[in-house]
Amino acid sequence: MTQDELATIGGVSRPRVSRYETQADTPTFPFMRRVREEALRRGLAFSGDWFFEHPAARLGDAASDEGTGQ
């Protein structure tokens, strides 16, 4: 999903989405609620933790899962 698409779904500007990604700003509850609603509408799993965990942690988890076949 592009920043423009996420901004439209979340009801914010594209620069604000960019600030969320760089951790220069924190997503608001209404933004997260709209993203969650859209994810559920699309049948996608959603975890609010995605907005708060460090991206490197996800990469480390994915790398360790590859070795275990999970």
C-alpha atoms as a PDB file:
ATOM      1  CA  MET A   1       0.000   0.000   0.000  1.00  0.00           C
ATOM      2  CA  THR A   2       1.309   3.441  -0.833  1.00  0.00           C
ATOM      3  CA  GLN A   3       1.517   6.343   1.574  1.00  0.00           C
ATOM      4  CA  ASP A   4      -1.208   8.078  -0.459  1.00  0.00           C
ATOM      5  CA  GLU A   5      -3.548   5.083  -0.085  1.00  0.00           C
ATOM      6  CA  LEU A   6      -2.878   4.808   3.639  1.00  0.00           C
ATOM      7  CA  ALA A   7      -3.414   8.558   4.054  1.00  0.00           C
ATOM      8  CA  THR A   8      -6.778   8.329   2.278  1.00  0.00           C
ATOM      9  CA  ILE A   9      -7.882   5.381   4.402  1.00  0.00           C
ATOM     10  CA  GLY A  10      -6.662   7.001   7.613  1.00  0.00           C
ATOM     11  CA  GLY A  11      -8.038  10.446   6.840  1.00  0.00           C
ATOM     12  CA  VAL A  12      -4.666  12.184   7.109  1.00  0.00           C
ATOM     13  CA  SER A  13      -2.168  13.746   4.711  1.00  0.00           C
ATOM     14  CA  ARG A  14       0.581  11.760   2.959  1.00  0.00           C
ATOM     15  CA  PRO A  15       3.286  13.765   4.778  1.00  0.00           C
ATOM     16  CA  ARG A  16       1.697  12.752   8.093  1.00  0.00           C
ATOM     17  CA  VAL A  17       1.899   9.064   7.084  1.00  0.00           C
ATOM     18  CA  SER A  18       5.556   9.645   6.291  1.00  0.00           C
ATOM     19  CA  ARG A  19       6.072  11.120   9.766  1.00  0.00           C
ATOM     20  CA  TYR A  20       4.394   8.040  11.271  1.00  0.00           C
ATOM     21  CA  GLU A  21       6.798   5.803   9.332  1.00  0.00           C
ATOM     22  CA  THR A  22       9.875   7.721  10.483  1.00  0.00           C
ATOM     23  CA  GLN A  23       8.566   7.892  14.045  1.00  0.00           C
ATOM     24  CA  ALA A  24       8.585  11.697  13.925  1.00  0.00           C
ATOM     25  CA  ASP A  25       4.884  11.599  14.862  1.00  0.00           C
ATOM     26  CA  THR A  26       2.556   9.115  16.540  1.00  0.00           C
ATOM     27  CA  PRO A  27      -0.603   7.800  14.839  1.00  0.00           C
ATOM     28  CA  THR A  28      -3.800   8.939  16.497  1.00  0.00           C
ATOM     29  CA  PHE A  29      -6.462   6.559  17.754  1.00  0.00           C
ATOM     30  CA  PRO A  30      -8.935   7.647  15.005  1.00  0.00           C
ATOM     31  CA  PHE A  31      -6.270   6.953  12.339  1.00  0.00           C
ATOM     32  CA  MET A  32      -5.544   3.508  13.750  1.00  0.00           C
ATOM     33  CA  ARG A  33      -9.262   2.752  14.045  1.00  0.00           C
ATOM     34  CA  ARG A  34      -9.833   3.633  10.365  1.00  0.00           C
ATOM     35  CA  VAL A  35      -6.855   1.521   9.254  1.00  0.00           C
ATOM     36  CA  ARG A  36      -8.109  -1.388  11.361  1.00  0.00           C
ATOM     37  CA  GLU A  37     -11.613  -1.088   9.930  1.00  0.00           C
ATOM     38  CA  GLU A  38     -10.242  -1.084   6.378  1.00  0.00           C
ATOM     39  CA  ALA A  39      -7.979  -4.076   7.076  1.00  0.00           C
ATOM     40  CA  LEU A  40     -10.915  -6.018   8.470  1.00  0.00           C
ATOM     41  CA  ARG A  41     -13.086  -4.947   5.525  1.00  0.00           C
ATOM     42  CA  ARG A  42     -10.410  -6.383   3.207  1.00  0.00           C
ATOM     43  CA  GLY A  43     -10.221  -9.585   5.251  1.00  0.00           C
ATOM     44  CA  LEU A  44      -6.686  -8.863   6.463  1.00  0.00           C
ATOM     45  CA  ALA A  45      -5.308  -9.617   9.903  1.00  0.00           C
ATOM     46  CA  PHE A  46      -4.583  -6.494  11.913  1.00  0.00           C
ATOM     47  CA  SER A  47      -2.537  -5.889  15.030  1.00  0.00           C
ATOM     48  CA  GLY A  48      -2.218  -2.464  16.648  1.00  0.00           C
ATOM     49  CA  ASP A  49       1.239  -3.605  17.745  1.00  0.00           C
ATOM     50  CA  TRP A  50       2.407  -3.022  14.168  1.00  0.00           C
ATOM     51  CA  PHE A  51       2.382   0.695  14.921  1.00  0.00           C
ATOM     52  CA  PHE A  52       4.492   0.387  18.046  1.00  0.00           C
ATOM     53  CA  GLU A  53       7.121  -2.291  17.505  1.00  0.00           C
ATOM     54  CA  HIS A  54      10.464  -1.443  15.975  1.00  0.00           C
ATOM     55  CA  PRO A  55      10.732  -2.555  12.310  1.00  0.00           C
ATOM     56  CA  ALA A  56      14.036  -4.352  13.004  1.00  0.00           C
ATOM     57  CA  ALA A  57      12.238  -6.530  15.549  1.00  0.00           C
ATOM     58  CA  ARG A  58       9.903  -7.789  12.829  1.00  0.00           C
ATOM     59  CA  LEU A  59      12.837  -8.489  10.524  1.00  0.00           C
ATOM     60  CA  GLY A  60      14.589 -10.454  13.258  1.00  0.00           C
ATOM     61  CA  ASP A  61      11.441 -12.443  13.951  1.00  0.00           C
ATOM     62  CA  ALA A  62      10.998 -13.234  10.250  1.00  0.00           C
ATOM     63  CA  ALA A  63      14.633 -14.295   9.912  1.00  0.00           C
ATOM     64  CA  SER A  64      14.424 -16.612  12.913  1.00  0.00           C
ATOM     65  CA  ASP A  65      11.127 -18.087  11.639  1.00  0.00           C
ATOM     66  CA  GLU A  66      12.746 -18.991   8.313  1.00  0.00           C
ATOM     67  CA  GLY A  67      15.222 -21.270  10.035  1.00  0.00           C
ATOM     68  CA  THR A  68      12.511 -23.069  11.976  1.00  0.00           C
ATOM     69  CA  GLY A  69      10.100 -23.574   9.095  1.00  0.00           C
ATOM     70  CA  GLN A  70       7.378 -21.535  10.805  1.00  0.00           C
END
